[in-house]
PDB file of all heavy atoms in Angstrom:
ATOM      1  N   PHE A   1       0.788  -1.225   0.038  1.00  0.00           N
ATOM      2  CA  PHE A   1       0.014  -0.094   0.008  1.00  0.00           C
ATOM      3  C   PHE A   1       0.833   1.233  -0.085  1.00  0.00           C
ATOM      4  O   PHE A   1       2.022   1.168   0.175  1.00  0.00           O
ATOM      5  CB  PHE A   1      -0.915   0.050   1.183  1.00  0.00           C
ATOM      6  CG  PHE A   1      -1.890  -1.104   1.396  1.00  0.00           C
ATOM      7  CD1 PHE A   1      -1.878  -2.020   2.274  1.00  0.00           C
ATOM      8  CD2 PHE A   1      -2.777  -1.257   0.368  1.00  0.00           C
ATOM      9  CE1 PHE A   1      -2.785  -3.101   2.438  1.00  0.00           C
ATOM     10  CE2 PHE A   1      -3.761  -2.304   0.442  1.00  0.00           C
ATOM     11  CZ  PHE A   1      -3.756  -3.131   1.522  1.00  0.00           C
ATOM     12  N   ALA A   2       0.248   2.333  -0.155  1.00  0.00           N
ATOM     13  CA  ALA A   2       1.027   3.622  -0.036  1.00  0.00           C
ATOM     14  C   ALA A   2       1.558   3.734   1.325  1.00  0.00           C
ATOM     15  O   ALA A   2       0.879   3.290   2.422  1.00  0.00           O
ATOM     16  CB  ALA A   2      -0.032   4.844  -0.313  1.00  0.00           C
ATOM     17  N   PRO A   3       2.655   4.352   1.570  1.00  0.00           N
ATOM     18  CA  PRO A   3       3.223   4.487   2.891  1.00  0.00           C
ATOM     19  C   PRO A   3       2.283   5.060   3.977  1.00  0.00           C
ATOM     20  O   PRO A   3       1.512   6.051   3.616  1.00  0.00           O
ATOM     21  CB  PRO A   3       4.407   5.335   2.806  1.00  0.00           C
ATOM     22  CG  PRO A   3       4.864   5.137   1.396  1.00  0.00           C
ATOM     23  CD  PRO A   3       3.570   5.008   0.615  1.00  0.00           C
ATOM     24  N   GLY A   4       2.215   4.567   5.066  1.00  0.00           N
ATOM     25  CA  GLY A   4       1.261   5.014   6.224  1.00  0.00           C
ATOM     26  C   GLY A   4      -0.070   4.477   6.192  1.00  0.00           C
ATOM     27  O   GLY A   4      -0.882   4.489   7.158  1.00  0.00           O
ATOM     28  N   THR A   5      -0.540   3.652   5.121  1.00  0.00           N
ATOM     29  CA  THR A   5      -1.806   3.095   5.057  1.00  0.00           C
ATOM     30  C   THR A   5      -2.077   2.101   6.060  1.00  0.00           C
ATOM     31  O   THR A   5      -3.167   2.212   6.880  1.00  0.00           O
ATOM     32  CB  THR A   5      -2.097   2.549   3.657  1.00  0.00           C
ATOM     33  OG1 THR A   5      -1.849   3.476   2.577  1.00  0.00           O
ATOM     34  CG2 THR A   5      -3.611   1.892   3.574  1.00  0.00           C
ATOM     35  N   THR A   6      -1.229   1.234   6.335  1.00  0.00           N
ATOM     36  CA  THR A   6      -1.478   0.126   7.313  1.00  0.00           C
ATOM     37  C   THR A   6      -1.451   0.680   8.731  1.00  0.00           C
ATOM     38  O   THR A   6      -2.114   0.260   9.652  1.00  0.00           O
ATOM     39  CB  THR A   6      -0.517  -1.011   7.138  1.00  0.00           C
ATOM     40  OG1 THR A   6       0.889  -0.457   7.281  1.00  0.00           O
ATOM     41  CG2 THR A   6      -0.629  -1.739   5.862  1.00  0.00           C
ATOM     42  N   ASP A   7      -0.616   1.699   8.971  1.00  0.00           N
ATOM     43  CA  ASP A   7      -0.559   2.370  10.420  1.00  0.00           C
ATOM     44  C   ASP A   7      -1.990   3.006  10.561  1.00  0.00           C
ATOM     45  O   ASP A   7      -2.509   2.845  11.665  1.00  0.00           O
ATOM     46  CB  ASP A   7       0.527   3.436  10.327  1.00  0.00           C
ATOM     47  CG  ASP A   7       1.889   2.840  10.315  1.00  0.00           C
ATOM     48  OD1 ASP A   7       1.948   1.649  10.989  1.00  0.00           O
ATOM     49  OD2 ASP A   7       2.832   3.453   9.853  1.00  0.00           O
ATOM     50  N   ARG A   8      -2.605   3.679   9.553  1.00  0.00           N
ATOM     51  CA  ARG A   8      -3.751   4.271   9.707  1.00  0.00           C
ATOM     52  C   ARG A   8      -4.998   3.210  10.003  1.00  0.00           C
ATOM     53  O   ARG A   8      -5.943   3.484  10.698  1.00  0.00           O
ATOM     54  CB  ARG A   8      -4.223   5.121   8.559  1.00  0.00           C
ATOM     55  CG  ARG A   8      -3.448   6.475   8.325  1.00  0.00           C
ATOM     56  CD  ARG A   8      -4.021   7.301   7.294  1.00  0.00           C
ATOM     57  NE  ARG A   8      -3.963   6.810   5.992  1.00  0.00           N
ATOM     58  CZ  ARG A   8      -3.034   6.974   5.179  1.00  0.00           C
ATOM     59  NH1 ARG A   8      -1.811   7.494   5.554  1.00  0.00           N
ATOM     60  NH2 ARG A   8      -3.229   6.352   3.935  1.00  0.00           N
ATOM     61  N   LEU A   9      -4.782   2.043   9.466  1.00  0.00           N
ATOM     62  CA  LEU A   9      -5.685   1.026   9.649  1.00  0.00           C
ATOM     63  C   LEU A   9      -5.582   0.233  10.989  1.00  0.00           C
ATOM     64  O   LEU A   9      -6.470  -0.470  11.336  1.00  0.00           O
ATOM     65  CB  LEU A   9      -5.664  -0.041   8.488  1.00  0.00           C
ATOM     66  CG  LEU A   9      -6.090   0.399   7.033  1.00  0.00           C
ATOM     67  CD1 LEU A   9      -5.830  -0.618   6.020  1.00  0.00           C
ATOM     68  CD2 LEU A   9      -7.639   0.686   7.143  1.00  0.00           C
ATOM     69  N   GLY A  10      -4.433   0.504  11.610  1.00  0.00           N
ATOM     70  CA  GLY A  10      -4.202  -0.244  12.865  1.00  0.00           C
ATOM     71  C   GLY A  10      -3.478  -1.489  12.689  1.00  0.00           C
ATOM     72  O   GLY A  10      -3.504  -2.304  13.566  1.00  0.00           O
ATOM     73  N   VAL A  11      -2.842  -1.709  11.484  1.00  0.00           N
ATOM     74  CA  VAL A  11      -2.251  -3.037  11.326  1.00  0.00           C
ATOM     75  C   VAL A  11      -0.804  -2.746  10.827  1.00  0.00           C
ATOM     76  O   VAL A  11      -0.226  -3.441   9.929  1.00  0.00           O
ATOM     77  CB  VAL A  11      -3.020  -3.971  10.327  1.00  0.00           C
ATOM     78  CG1 VAL A  11      -4.277  -4.400  10.958  1.00  0.00           C
ATOM     79  CG2 VAL A  11      -3.298  -3.241   9.010  1.00  0.00           C
ATOM     80  N   GLY A  12      -0.163  -1.729  11.317  1.00  0.00           N
ATOM     81  CA  GLY A  12       1.222  -1.505  10.927  1.00  0.00           C
ATOM     82  C   GLY A  12       2.178  -2.303  11.703  1.00  0.00           C
ATOM     83  O   GLY A  12       1.651  -3.282  12.468  1.00  0.00           O
ATOM     84  N   TYR A  13       3.412  -2.216  11.515  1.00  0.00           N
ATOM     85  CA  TYR A  13       4.369  -3.066  12.059  1.00  0.00           C
ATOM     86  C   TYR A  13       4.406  -3.076  13.649  1.00  0.00           C
ATOM     87  O   TYR A  13       4.538  -4.043  14.186  1.00  0.00           O
ATOM     88  CB  TYR A  13       5.846  -2.725  11.654  1.00  0.00           C
ATOM     89  CG  TYR A  13       6.963  -3.562  12.289  1.00  0.00           C
ATOM     90  CD1 TYR A  13       7.001  -4.951  11.966  1.00  0.00           C
ATOM     91  CD2 TYR A  13       7.887  -2.936  13.070  1.00  0.00           C
ATOM     92  CE1 TYR A  13       8.046  -5.724  12.691  1.00  0.00           C
ATOM     93  CE2 TYR A  13       8.787  -3.725  13.661  1.00  0.00           C
ATOM     94  CZ  TYR A  13       8.914  -5.104  13.535  1.00  0.00           C
ATOM     95  OH  TYR A  13       9.868  -5.711  14.134  1.00  0.00           O
ATOM     96  N   LYS A  14       4.349  -1.861  14.157  1.00  0.00           N
ATOM     97  CA  LYS A  14       4.262  -1.648  15.593  1.00  0.00           C
ATOM     98  C   LYS A  14       3.213  -2.543  16.342  1.00  0.00           C
ATOM     99  O   LYS A  14       3.420  -3.248  17.244  1.00  0.00           O
ATOM    100  CB  LYS A  14       4.052  -0.203  15.954  1.00  0.00           C
ATOM    101  CG  LYS A  14       4.190  -0.004  17.533  1.00  0.00           C
ATOM    102  CD  LYS A  14       4.125   1.520  17.923  1.00  0.00           C
ATOM    103  CE  LYS A  14       4.189   1.774  19.242  1.00  0.00           C
ATOM    104  NZ  LYS A  14       4.093   3.296  19.489  1.00  0.00           N
ATOM    105  N   GLU A  15       2.017  -2.344  15.731  1.00  0.00           N
ATOM    106  CA  GLU A  15       0.774  -3.178  16.372  1.00  0.00           C
ATOM    107  C   GLU A  15       1.011  -4.617  16.103  1.00  0.00           C
ATOM    108  O   GLU A  15       0.811  -5.430  17.086  1.00  0.00           O
ATOM    109  CB  GLU A  15      -0.464  -2.789  15.643  1.00  0.00           C
ATOM    110  CG  GLU A  15      -0.938  -1.269  15.954  1.00  0.00           C
ATOM    111  CD  GLU A  15      -0.251  -0.278  15.030  1.00  0.00           C
ATOM    112  OE1 GLU A  15       0.475  -0.692  14.175  1.00  0.00           O
ATOM    113  OE2 GLU A  15      -0.565   1.042  15.313  1.00  0.00           O
ATOM    114  N   LEU A  16       1.373  -5.025  14.965  1.00  0.00           N
ATOM    115  CA  LEU A  16       1.408  -6.512  14.649  1.00  0.00           C
ATOM    116  C   LEU A  16       2.654  -7.206  15.182  1.00  0.00           C
ATOM    117  O   LEU A  16       2.495  -8.340  15.723  1.00  0.00           O
ATOM    118  CB  LEU A  16       1.359  -6.788  13.158  1.00  0.00           C
ATOM    119  CG  LEU A  16       0.133  -6.259  12.427  1.00  0.00           C
ATOM    120  CD1 LEU A  16       0.075  -6.744  11.041  1.00  0.00           C
ATOM    121  CD2 LEU A  16      -1.255  -6.592  13.154  1.00  0.00           C
ATOM    122  N   SER A  17       3.690  -6.597  15.453  1.00  0.00           N
ATOM    123  CA  SER A  17       4.890  -7.283  15.937  1.00  0.00           C
ATOM    124  C   SER A  17       4.746  -7.386  17.417  1.00  0.00           C
ATOM    125  O   SER A  17       5.303  -8.239  18.039  1.00  0.00           O
ATOM    126  CB  SER A  17       6.128  -6.440  15.727  1.00  0.00           C
ATOM    127  OG  SER A  17       6.136  -5.088  16.163  1.00  0.00           O
ATOM    128  N   ALA A  18       3.911  -6.552  18.072  1.00  0.00           N
ATOM    129  CA  ALA A  18       3.573  -6.759  19.481  1.00  0.00           C
ATOM    130  C   ALA A  18       2.798  -7.981  19.681  1.00  0.00           C
ATOM    131  O   ALA A  18       2.838  -8.615  20.731  1.00  0.00           O
ATOM    132  CB  ALA A  18       2.768  -5.438  20.029  1.00  0.00           C
ATOM    133  N   ILE A  19       1.982  -8.407  18.707  1.00  0.00           N
ATOM    134  CA  ILE A  19       1.236  -9.641  18.736  1.00  0.00           C
ATOM    135  C   ILE A  19       2.047 -10.866  18.406  1.00  0.00           C
ATOM    136  O   ILE A  19       1.966 -11.882  19.188  1.00  0.00           O
ATOM    137  CB  ILE A  19      -0.031  -9.639  17.739  1.00  0.00           C
ATOM    138  CG1 ILE A  19      -0.938  -8.399  18.079  1.00  0.00           C
ATOM    139  CG2 ILE A  19      -0.699 -10.930  17.649  1.00  0.00           C
ATOM    140  CD1 ILE A  19      -1.868  -8.141  17.049  1.00  0.00           C
ATOM    141  N   ASN A  20       2.960 -10.699  17.471  1.00  0.00           N
ATOM    142  CA  ASN A  20       3.792 -11.815  17.103  1.00  0.00           C
ATOM    143  C   ASN A  20       5.199 -11.299  16.964  1.00  0.00           C
ATOM    144  O   ASN A  20       5.538 -10.868  15.805  1.00  0.00           O
ATOM    145  CB  ASN A  20       3.273 -12.404  15.831  1.00  0.00           C
ATOM    146  CG  ASN A  20       4.056 -13.674  15.290  1.00  0.00           C
ATOM    147  OD1 ASN A  20       5.203 -13.989  15.889  1.00  0.00           O
ATOM    148  ND2 ASN A  20       3.654 -14.205  14.315  1.00  0.00           N
ATOM    149  N   PRO A  21       6.068 -11.342  17.916  1.00  0.00           N
ATOM    150  CA  PRO A  21       7.428 -10.875  17.809  1.00  0.00           C
ATOM    151  C   PRO A  21       8.316 -11.485  16.704  1.00  0.00           C
ATOM    152  O   PRO A  21       9.322 -10.890  16.251  1.00  0.00           O
ATOM    153  CB  PRO A  21       7.974 -10.983  19.214  1.00  0.00           C
ATOM    154  CG  PRO A  21       6.738 -11.156  20.064  1.00  0.00           C
ATOM    155  CD  PRO A  21       5.722 -11.720  19.318  1.00  0.00           C
ATOM    156  N   LYS A  22       7.844 -12.674  16.288  1.00  0.00           N
ATOM    157  CA  LYS A  22       8.644 -13.323  15.232  1.00  0.00           C
ATOM    158  C   LYS A  22       8.141 -13.101  13.800  1.00  0.00           C
ATOM    159  O   LYS A  22       8.689 -13.601  12.851  1.00  0.00           O
ATOM    160  CB  LYS A  22       8.534 -14.857  15.484  1.00  0.00           C
ATOM    161  CG  LYS A  22       9.060 -15.377  16.805  1.00  0.00           C
ATOM    162  CD  LYS A  22       8.949 -16.888  16.952  1.00  0.00           C
ATOM    163  CE  LYS A  22      10.056 -17.646  16.037  1.00  0.00           C
ATOM    164  NZ  LYS A  22      10.010 -19.056  16.290  1.00  0.00           N
ATOM    165  N   LEU A  23       7.117 -12.112  13.748  1.00  0.00           N
ATOM    166  CA  LEU A  23       6.658 -11.778  12.398  1.00  0.00           C
ATOM    167  C   LEU A  23       7.679 -10.987  11.580  1.00  0.00           C
ATOM    168  O   LEU A  23       8.266 -10.137  11.975  1.00  0.00           O
ATOM    169  CB  LEU A  23       5.420 -10.897  12.671  1.00  0.00           C
ATOM    170  CG  LEU A  23       4.771 -10.502  11.285  1.00  0.00           C
ATOM    171  CD1 LEU A  23       4.026 -11.634  10.603  1.00  0.00           C
ATOM    172  CD2 LEU A  23       3.774  -9.357  11.565  1.00  0.00           C
ATOM    173  N   ILE A  24       7.790 -11.487  10.285  1.00  0.00           N
ATOM    174  CA  ILE A  24       8.518 -10.620   9.235  1.00  0.00           C
ATOM    175  C   ILE A  24       7.448  -9.796   8.535  1.00  0.00           C
ATOM    176  O   ILE A  24       6.614 -10.335   7.969  1.00  0.00           O
ATOM    177  CB  ILE A  24       9.136 -11.582   8.141  1.00  0.00           C
ATOM    178  CG1 ILE A  24      10.089 -12.568   8.881  1.00  0.00           C
ATOM    179  CG2 ILE A  24       9.958 -10.709   7.187  1.00  0.00           C
ATOM    180  CD1 ILE A  24      11.162 -12.037   9.708  1.00  0.00           C
ATOM    181  N   TYR A  25       7.626  -8.427   8.682  1.00  0.00           N
ATOM    182  CA  TYR A  25       6.598  -7.526   8.120  1.00  0.00           C
ATOM    183  C   TYR A  25       7.332  -6.723   6.974  1.00  0.00           C
ATOM    184  O   TYR A  25       8.279  -6.025   7.199  1.00  0.00           O
ATOM    185  CB  TYR A  25       6.273  -6.523   9.246  1.00  0.00           C
ATOM    186  CG  TYR A  25       5.065  -5.664   8.885  1.00  0.00           C
ATOM    187  CD1 TYR A  25       3.847  -5.803   9.506  1.00  0.00           C
ATOM    188  CD2 TYR A  25       5.287  -4.572   7.936  1.00  0.00           C
ATOM    189  CE1 TYR A  25       2.840  -5.017   9.189  1.00  0.00           C
ATOM    190  CE2 TYR A  25       4.190  -3.705   7.720  1.00  0.00           C
ATOM    191  CZ  TYR A  25       2.934  -3.913   8.296  1.00  0.00           C
ATOM    192  OH  TYR A  25       1.927  -2.989   7.998  1.00  0.00           O
TER     193      TYR A  25
END
């Protein structure tokens, strides 16, 4: 997506890596 899109949706790296620290994003 365009930069910043997933952060605005609440599914950026910060949010998802907190759920799964082994995730490659």
